[in-house]
Amino acid sequence: MPGSLKVAAIQMDAAPASIEVRLNRAASAVAQAAEKGASLVVLPQQFATGYSYDDTQYEQSQTLDDEIVSWMKQQAAQHDVHMIGSLLLWDVDEVYNAALIVAPDGQSWRYDQQFPFLWERALFRDGEHVLVAQTAIGRIGVLVGWDALHPELWMRYAANVDLMVVLHAMPDGSQAQMQPPEGQALDLSGLGALMSVSSAFEAYILAQARWIGVPLVIAGVSGKLDTMLPLPRLSVLPLSLVESNLWGYLEQAHDLRLQAPFIVKTGIYDANGRALSFVENDGDQVVSVMLDFPAHRPMPQASQPDVEFPQSLLLTVDALSAAAYAPVYQRSQRRQWGARMAPTSSKTRIWLLTTALALLVGFISGITARRLQR
């Protein structure tokens, strides 16, 4: 890693729009970053399409040879920068949320999000490997969205990277609601327990980056999530198991809209977790700063920070959402792109088996408890 490096983080409003419109907006932001002297420019999750969970997202996946990746390579070459951003990447018979690092000479590195968040599992498959990109500007580690709350991924990057980058489009679960076509919005406070980790998002990843001892770049989105759900009735059904007030709306599932503000967290932090530059407002914004790096790659000097929320919560969200939405992903991708898409993976089978066993244990425990009370 060079002794210093000018880095820029770009925040974009997450409202979906055409790829052409959003790439034009992104190009303006990248040009601003380059004018400020940035050598590394970080765009947020799904920067070229916007962020939602509805069926239109299935049409947005592209290959490595399509418009979005070609645009990234062109921009990196034009401005002589390394660029990072994610897209829904169609790879043979699967779709992934792939974060790409693109160098000015066209070389690229890829990280696939490993833990899709709830409804994201209906849109793309989970990845399997961390990425340590050995670029000309240093060794860069990448995490996307919900991945950043999984301590085992940070552990794998420790002592292996010079810089960590987190891309995200995290909705604020504490303010989530379901809006029917008529009447008042339905409070999703029951789901808030599952999504409450959103409030600890920034503090947790800063603690992990401090532990690793490297600077951190966070590129996120702003605005408000306002989306239908993929295959709405099938998507709403598992939610109704947690939020009983949704039962009466299963027949109207196609008209329900999930709404929540996004967590606005875009900034650049030094190795001690100190904010050097960060976004304070909504909308498309660019922040940049010169980062200093030590001569030698840091080694963690203490135990990994404790998770400030139950690990069982992460497992519950991961397992239940995988079991509930893997069939939605498979059915929707096949409907959009053909029967060869989305073969059932071994990981999906494990999630389904784990969930089935958990439900069976819970059922047996419930029966046993009732008998003991008699």
Protein backbone atom coordinates (compact mmCIF):
# COMPACT_ATOMS: atom_id res chain seq x y z
CA MET A 1 0.00 0.00 0.00
CA PRO A 2 1.31 3.49 -0.74
CA GLY A 3 2.02 5.75 2.22
CA SER A 4 -1.10 7.74 1.40
CA LEU A 5 -4.06 7.40 -0.93
CA LYS A 6 -6.92 9.75 -1.86
CA VAL A 7 -10.19 7.86 -1.48
CA ALA A 8 -13.74 8.90 -2.38
CA ALA A 9 -17.05 7.40 -1.21
CA ILE A 10 -20.23 8.05 -3.18
CA GLN A 11 -23.74 8.01 -1.75
CA MET A 12 -26.67 7.68 -4.15
CA ASP A 13 -30.41 7.90 -3.65
CA ALA A 14 -31.69 4.33 -3.84
CA ALA A 15 -34.92 4.98 -5.77
CA PRO A 16 -34.96 2.63 -8.79
CA ALA A 17 -34.57 4.25 -12.20
CA SER A 18 -33.38 3.17 -15.62
CA ILE A 19 -29.79 2.00 -15.88
CA GLU A 20 -29.05 4.84 -18.29
CA VAL A 21 -30.32 7.48 -15.86
CA ARG A 22 -28.50 6.06 -12.87
CA LEU A 23 -25.23 5.56 -14.76
CA ASN A 24 -25.35 9.19 -15.85
CA ARG A 25 -25.78 10.24 -12.22
CA ALA A 26 -22.97 7.92 -11.15
CA ALA A 27 -20.71 9.29 -13.90
CA SER A 28 -21.20 12.81 -12.56
CA ALA A 29 -20.27 11.67 -9.05
CA VAL A 30 -17.21 9.75 -10.29
CA ALA A 31 -16.05 12.82 -12.22
CA GLN A 32 -16.35 14.90 -9.03
CA ALA A 33 -14.30 12.34 -7.14
CA ALA A 34 -11.63 12.28 -9.84
CA GLU A 35 -11.46 16.09 -9.88
CA LYS A 36 -10.71 15.93 -6.16
CA GLY A 37 -7.76 13.66 -6.92
CA ALA A 38 -9.21 10.33 -5.77
CA SER A 39 -7.37 7.18 -6.80
CA LEU A 40 -10.07 4.88 -5.38
CA VAL A 41 -13.78 5.59 -5.91
CA VAL A 42 -16.38 3.53 -4.05
CA LEU A 43 -20.00 3.36 -5.24
CA PRO A 44 -22.85 1.88 -3.17
CA GLN A 45 -24.70 -1.40 -3.47
CA GLN A 46 -26.61 -1.79 -6.76
CA PHE A 47 -25.65 1.73 -7.78
CA ALA A 48 -26.73 1.31 -11.41
CA THR A 49 -30.28 0.09 -10.82
CA GLY A 50 -31.41 1.35 -7.45
CA TYR A 51 -32.60 -0.84 -4.62
CA SER A 52 -35.92 -2.60 -4.12
CA TYR A 53 -37.29 -6.11 -3.67
CA ASP A 54 -39.98 -6.20 -6.34
CA ASP A 55 -40.15 -8.32 -9.49
CA THR A 56 -38.57 -5.63 -11.68
CA GLN A 57 -35.22 -6.47 -10.11
CA TYR A 58 -35.15 -9.80 -11.96
CA GLU A 59 -34.87 -7.88 -15.22
CA GLN A 60 -31.86 -5.89 -13.98
CA SER A 61 -29.25 -8.65 -13.76
CA GLN A 62 -26.39 -8.37 -16.25
CA THR A 63 -23.33 -10.36 -17.26
CA LEU A 64 -19.72 -9.24 -17.07
CA ASP A 65 -19.94 -8.26 -20.74
CA ASP A 66 -23.01 -6.05 -20.43
CA GLU A 67 -23.55 -2.34 -19.93
CA ILE A 68 -22.83 -1.85 -16.22
CA VAL A 69 -19.44 -3.57 -16.10
CA SER A 70 -18.43 -2.01 -19.42
CA TRP A 71 -19.31 1.39 -17.96
CA MET A 72 -17.20 0.71 -14.85
CA LYS A 73 -14.19 -0.21 -16.97
CA GLN A 74 -14.63 2.85 -19.17
CA GLN A 75 -14.91 5.18 -16.18
CA ALA A 76 -11.92 3.62 -14.42
CA ALA A 77 -9.78 4.05 -17.53
CA GLN A 78 -11.05 7.56 -18.31
CA HIS A 79 -10.35 8.91 -14.82
CA ASP A 80 -7.37 6.67 -14.00
CA VAL A 81 -9.01 5.37 -10.83
CA HIS A 82 -9.78 2.08 -9.19
CA MET A 83 -13.54 1.75 -8.84
CA ILE A 84 -15.75 -0.41 -6.62
CA GLY A 85 -19.50 -0.96 -6.95
CA SER A 86 -22.02 -3.80 -6.90
CA LEU A 87 -24.58 -5.11 -9.36
CA LEU A 88 -26.89 -8.08 -9.79
CA LEU A 89 -24.55 -10.28 -11.81
CA TRP A 90 -25.88 -13.08 -13.99
CA ASP A 91 -23.28 -15.85 -13.89
CA VAL A 92 -24.23 -18.93 -15.97
CA ASP A 93 -27.33 -20.17 -14.10
CA GLU A 94 -27.28 -18.02 -10.96
CA VAL A 95 -27.55 -14.34 -10.04
CA TYR A 96 -25.30 -12.82 -7.36
CA ASN A 97 -24.95 -9.41 -5.76
CA ALA A 98 -21.38 -8.99 -6.95
CA ALA A 99 -19.09 -6.20 -5.81
CA LEU A 100 -16.49 -5.57 -8.50
CA ILE A 101 -13.18 -3.78 -8.13
CA VAL A 102 -12.08 -2.45 -11.52
CA ALA A 103 -8.59 -1.07 -12.20
CA PRO A 104 -7.73 1.55 -14.84
CA ASP A 105 -6.18 -1.16 -17.03
CA GLY A 106 -9.40 -3.20 -16.98
CA GLN A 107 -8.27 -5.82 -14.48
CA SER A 108 -11.06 -6.73 -12.08
CA TRP A 109 -11.75 -8.59 -8.84
CA ARG A 110 -15.10 -9.91 -7.63
CA TYR A 111 -16.78 -10.46 -4.27
CA ASP A 112 -20.27 -12.02 -4.04
CA GLN A 113 -22.40 -11.08 -1.05
CA GLN A 114 -22.45 -14.13 1.22
CA PHE A 115 -25.42 -13.36 3.46
CA PRO A 116 -28.34 -11.80 1.57
CA PHE A 117 -30.65 -9.92 3.93
CA LEU A 118 -34.20 -11.29 4.25
CA TRP A 119 -35.94 -10.45 0.95
CA GLU A 120 -32.62 -10.13 -0.87
CA ARG A 121 -32.57 -13.93 -0.84
CA ALA A 122 -35.47 -13.84 -3.27
CA LEU A 123 -33.31 -11.85 -5.70
CA PHE A 124 -29.86 -13.42 -5.67
CA ARG A 125 -27.87 -16.42 -4.51
CA ASP A 126 -25.38 -16.25 -1.64
CA GLY A 127 -21.66 -16.23 -2.41
CA GLU A 128 -19.01 -18.41 -0.79
CA HIS A 129 -15.61 -16.69 -0.64
CA VAL A 130 -14.05 -13.56 0.80
CA LEU A 131 -11.98 -11.34 -1.46
CA VAL A 132 -8.52 -9.99 -0.80
CA ALA A 133 -7.91 -7.96 -3.95
CA GLN A 134 -4.18 -7.49 -4.51
CA THR A 135 -4.38 -4.27 -6.50
CA ALA A 136 -1.74 -1.74 -7.50
CA ILE A 137 -2.99 0.52 -4.70
CA GLY A 138 -2.91 -2.16 -2.01
CA ARG A 139 -4.77 -5.17 -0.64
CA ILE A 140 -8.47 -4.39 -0.40
CA GLY A 141 -11.17 -6.36 1.41
CA VAL A 142 -14.85 -5.98 0.57
CA LEU A 143 -18.12 -6.73 2.37
CA VAL A 144 -21.65 -6.04 1.15
CA GLY A 145 -24.72 -5.23 3.23
CA TRP A 146 -25.68 -7.82 5.85
CA ASP A 147 -22.26 -9.47 5.48
CA ALA A 148 -20.72 -6.64 7.50
CA LEU A 149 -22.55 -7.84 10.63
CA HIS A 150 -21.03 -11.33 10.49
CA PRO A 151 -17.88 -11.48 12.67
CA GLU A 152 -16.49 -14.58 10.97
CA LEU A 153 -16.00 -12.61 7.74
CA TRP A 154 -14.05 -9.86 9.51
CA MET A 155 -11.93 -12.57 11.13
CA ARG A 156 -10.93 -13.87 7.70
CA TYR A 157 -9.77 -10.41 6.61
CA ALA A 158 -7.70 -9.73 9.73
CA ALA A 159 -3.97 -9.30 8.95
CA ASN A 160 -4.67 -9.78 5.24
CA VAL A 161 -5.78 -6.33 4.02
CA ASP A 162 -4.66 -2.71 4.00
CA LEU A 163 -8.15 -1.26 3.59
CA MET A 164 -11.73 -2.45 4.18
CA VAL A 165 -14.66 -1.36 2.02
CA VAL A 166 -18.33 -1.86 2.90
CA LEU A 167 -21.11 -1.28 0.35
CA HIS A 168 -24.65 -1.30 1.65
CA ALA A 169 -28.32 -0.48 1.18
CA MET A 170 -29.55 -1.21 4.70
CA PRO A 171 -33.17 -0.34 5.54
CA ASP A 172 -33.88 0.87 9.06
CA GLY A 173 -35.90 -2.03 10.42
CA SER A 174 -37.02 -0.10 13.48
CA GLN A 175 -39.14 2.11 11.20
CA ALA A 176 -40.39 -0.55 8.78
CA GLN A 177 -44.07 -0.72 7.92
CA MET A 178 -46.36 -2.40 5.40
CA GLN A 179 -48.67 -0.09 3.50
CA PRO A 180 -51.94 -1.57 2.16
CA PRO A 181 -53.67 0.15 -0.78
CA GLU A 182 -56.15 1.75 1.60
CA GLY A 183 -56.01 2.62 5.26
CA GLN A 184 -53.19 3.03 7.72
CA ALA A 185 -49.80 1.42 7.39
CA LEU A 186 -49.20 -1.75 9.41
CA ASP A 187 -46.44 -1.49 11.99
CA LEU A 188 -43.86 -4.27 11.67
CA SER A 189 -42.63 -4.02 15.24
CA GLY A 190 -42.40 -7.80 15.51
CA LEU A 191 -39.97 -7.83 12.62
CA GLY A 192 -38.19 -4.94 14.26
CA ALA A 193 -36.68 -7.44 16.68
CA LEU A 194 -35.11 -9.23 13.72
CA MET A 195 -34.08 -6.00 12.03
CA SER A 196 -33.00 -4.09 15.13
CA VAL A 197 -29.37 -4.80 14.33
CA SER A 198 -29.64 -2.00 11.78
CA SER A 199 -29.28 0.51 14.61
CA ALA A 200 -25.90 -1.01 15.50
CA PHE A 201 -24.68 -1.17 11.90
CA GLU A 202 -22.15 1.66 11.91
CA ALA A 203 -20.85 1.12 15.44
CA TYR A 204 -20.31 -2.58 14.86
CA ILE A 205 -18.40 -2.34 11.60
CA LEU A 206 -16.28 0.51 12.95
CA ALA A 207 -15.35 -1.67 15.92
CA GLN A 208 -14.37 -4.52 13.60
CA ALA A 209 -12.28 -2.25 11.36
CA ARG A 210 -10.53 -0.79 14.43
CA TRP A 211 -9.78 -4.31 15.58
CA ILE A 212 -8.24 -5.19 12.22
CA GLY A 213 -6.38 -1.88 12.38
CA VAL A 214 -7.11 -0.59 8.88
CA PRO A 215 -9.00 2.38 7.42
CA LEU A 216 -12.61 1.84 6.41
CA VAL A 217 -14.69 3.20 3.52
CA ILE A 218 -18.49 2.90 3.72
CA ALA A 219 -20.59 3.67 0.63
CA GLY A 220 -24.34 3.56 1.15
CA VAL A 221 -27.63 4.79 -0.19
CA SER A 222 -30.17 7.33 0.99
CA GLY A 223 -33.87 7.93 0.59
CA LYS A 224 -36.74 5.60 1.41
CA LEU A 225 -37.36 1.98 0.54
CA ASP A 226 -40.84 1.74 -0.99
CA THR A 227 -41.29 -1.61 -2.65
CA MET A 228 -43.56 -4.50 -3.40
CA LEU A 229 -42.19 -7.92 -2.53
CA PRO A 230 -41.24 -10.62 -5.05
CA LEU A 231 -44.01 -13.19 -5.59
CA PRO A 232 -45.96 -11.19 -2.99
CA ARG A 233 -48.22 -13.84 -1.48
CA LEU A 234 -45.38 -16.31 -1.05
CA SER A 235 -43.20 -13.52 0.38
CA VAL A 236 -45.81 -12.21 2.82
CA LEU A 237 -46.76 -15.66 4.14
CA PRO A 238 -43.60 -16.21 6.25
CA LEU A 239 -43.83 -12.62 7.52
CA SER A 240 -47.34 -13.29 8.78
CA LEU A 241 -45.93 -16.01 11.05
CA VAL A 242 -44.13 -13.23 12.93
CA GLU A 243 -46.61 -10.39 12.39
CA SER A 244 -50.10 -11.82 12.89
CA ASN A 245 -51.75 -8.61 11.66
CA LEU A 246 -50.60 -9.53 8.14
CA TRP A 247 -52.78 -12.66 8.00
CA GLY A 248 -55.79 -10.66 6.90
CA TYR A 249 -53.86 -9.20 3.98
CA LEU A 250 -52.63 -12.37 2.29
CA GLU A 251 -55.28 -12.06 -0.41
CA GLN A 252 -54.15 -8.46 -1.01
CA ALA A 253 -50.44 -9.26 -0.92
CA HIS A 254 -49.92 -7.96 -4.46
CA ASP A 255 -51.04 -4.52 -3.29
CA LEU A 256 -48.91 -4.29 -0.14
CA ARG A 257 -45.80 -2.10 -0.12
CA LEU A 258 -42.92 -2.42 2.32
CA GLN A 259 -41.66 0.99 3.41
CA ALA A 260 -38.66 2.01 5.51
CA PRO A 261 -36.01 4.73 5.43
CA PHE A 262 -32.47 3.68 4.63
CA ILE A 263 -29.66 3.97 7.12
CA VAL A 264 -27.65 6.89 5.77
CA LYS A 265 -24.08 5.83 6.46
CA THR A 266 -21.48 6.91 3.92
CA GLY A 267 -18.06 7.98 5.12
CA ILE A 268 -14.34 7.41 5.35
CA TYR A 269 -12.64 6.45 8.63
CA ASP A 270 -9.05 6.08 9.72
CA ALA A 271 -7.60 2.96 11.34
CA ASN A 272 -8.72 4.19 14.78
CA GLY A 273 -12.34 4.51 13.65
CA ARG A 274 -12.23 8.30 13.55
CA ALA A 275 -14.54 9.83 10.94
CA LEU A 276 -12.43 11.78 8.47
CA SER A 277 -15.22 12.68 6.05
CA PHE A 278 -18.86 11.64 5.96
CA VAL A 279 -22.17 12.45 4.29
CA GLU A 280 -24.67 14.40 6.36
CA ASN A 281 -27.57 14.80 3.90
CA ASP A 282 -29.76 12.70 1.62
CA GLY A 283 -29.28 12.51 -2.13
CA ASP A 284 -26.27 11.91 -4.34
CA GLN A 285 -23.15 13.03 -2.47
CA VAL A 286 -19.38 12.63 -2.77
CA VAL A 287 -16.90 12.70 0.11
CA SER A 288 -13.15 12.27 -0.22
CA VAL A 289 -10.09 12.34 1.98
CA MET A 290 -6.41 11.43 1.95
CA LEU A 291 -5.79 8.25 3.91
CA ASP A 292 -2.43 7.44 5.48
CA PHE A 293 -1.21 3.86 5.72
CA PRO A 294 1.53 2.30 7.86
CA ALA A 295 4.61 0.79 6.26
CA HIS A 296 3.60 -2.70 7.41
CA ARG A 297 0.24 -4.44 7.33
CA PRO A 298 -1.32 -4.31 10.83
CA MET A 299 -2.03 -7.33 12.99
CA PRO A 300 -4.94 -7.41 15.47
CA GLN A 301 -3.56 -6.76 18.95
CA ALA A 302 -6.58 -7.88 20.97
CA SER A 303 -9.54 -10.23 20.90
CA GLN A 304 -12.18 -9.64 18.27
CA PRO A 305 -14.88 -7.27 19.57
CA ASP A 306 -18.01 -8.89 20.92
CA VAL A 307 -21.15 -8.70 18.85
CA GLU A 308 -23.59 -6.24 20.44
CA PHE A 309 -26.59 -8.32 19.40
CA PRO A 310 -27.26 -12.06 19.81
CA GLN A 311 -25.49 -14.29 17.34
CA SER A 312 -28.65 -16.39 17.40
CA LEU A 313 -30.42 -13.42 15.79
CA LEU A 314 -28.10 -13.54 12.78
CA LEU A 315 -28.56 -17.30 12.50
CA THR A 316 -32.33 -16.96 12.75
CA VAL A 317 -32.51 -14.33 10.03
CA ASP A 318 -30.11 -16.23 7.78
CA ALA A 319 -31.74 -19.64 8.24
CA LEU A 320 -35.38 -18.60 8.12
CA SER A 321 -34.96 -16.22 5.19
CA ALA A 322 -32.97 -18.82 3.25
CA ALA A 323 -35.67 -21.42 3.80
CA ALA A 324 -38.52 -19.03 3.07
CA TYR A 325 -37.16 -17.20 0.04
CA ALA A 326 -34.96 -19.73 -1.76
CA PRO A 327 -38.09 -21.10 -3.51
CA VAL A 328 -39.07 -17.53 -4.44
CA TYR A 329 -35.62 -16.93 -5.94
CA GLN A 330 -35.70 -20.17 -7.89
CA ARG A 331 -39.23 -19.75 -9.22
CA SER A 332 -38.75 -16.10 -10.16
CA GLN A 333 -35.40 -16.55 -11.90
CA ARG A 334 -36.78 -19.46 -13.91
CA ARG A 335 -39.86 -17.47 -14.85
CA GLN A 336 -37.65 -14.59 -16.02
CA TRP A 337 -34.75 -16.43 -17.68
CA GLY A 338 -35.76 -20.07 -18.19
CA ALA A 339 -35.87 -23.47 -16.50
CA ARG A 340 -32.10 -23.93 -16.38
CA MET A 341 -31.73 -21.10 -13.85
CA ALA A 342 -31.24 -21.44 -10.10
CA PRO A 343 -30.56 -25.14 -9.50
CA THR A 344 -31.04 -26.11 -5.87
CA SER A 345 -27.66 -25.68 -4.16
CA SER A 346 -26.24 -27.82 -1.37
CA LYS A 347 -26.22 -24.76 0.90
CA THR A 348 -29.94 -24.24 0.30
CA ARG A 349 -30.60 -27.87 1.17
CA ILE A 350 -28.68 -27.40 4.43
CA TRP A 351 -30.67 -24.25 5.31
CA LEU A 352 -33.94 -26.04 4.56
CA LEU A 353 -32.97 -29.07 6.64
CA THR A 354 -31.77 -26.89 9.53
CA THR A 355 -35.00 -24.90 9.51
CA ALA A 356 -37.14 -28.04 9.33
CA LEU A 357 -35.27 -29.57 12.28
CA ALA A 358 -35.60 -26.34 14.29
CA LEU A 359 -39.34 -26.23 13.63
CA LEU A 360 -39.66 -29.90 14.58
CA VAL A 361 -37.74 -29.38 17.82
CA GLY A 362 -39.88 -26.34 18.62
CA PHE A 363 -43.07 -28.28 17.91
CA ILE A 364 -42.02 -31.21 20.11
CA SER A 365 -40.87 -28.86 22.88
CA GLY A 366 -44.21 -27.06 22.78
CA ILE A 367 -46.17 -30.30 23.06
CA THR A 368 -43.95 -31.49 25.92
CA ALA A 369 -44.34 -28.20 27.79
CA ARG A 370 -48.13 -28.31 27.48
CA ARG A 371 -48.25 -31.88 28.78
CA LEU A 372 -46.10 -31.00 31.77
CA GLN A 373 -48.44 -28.14 32.63
CA ARG A 374 -51.44 -30.48 32.86
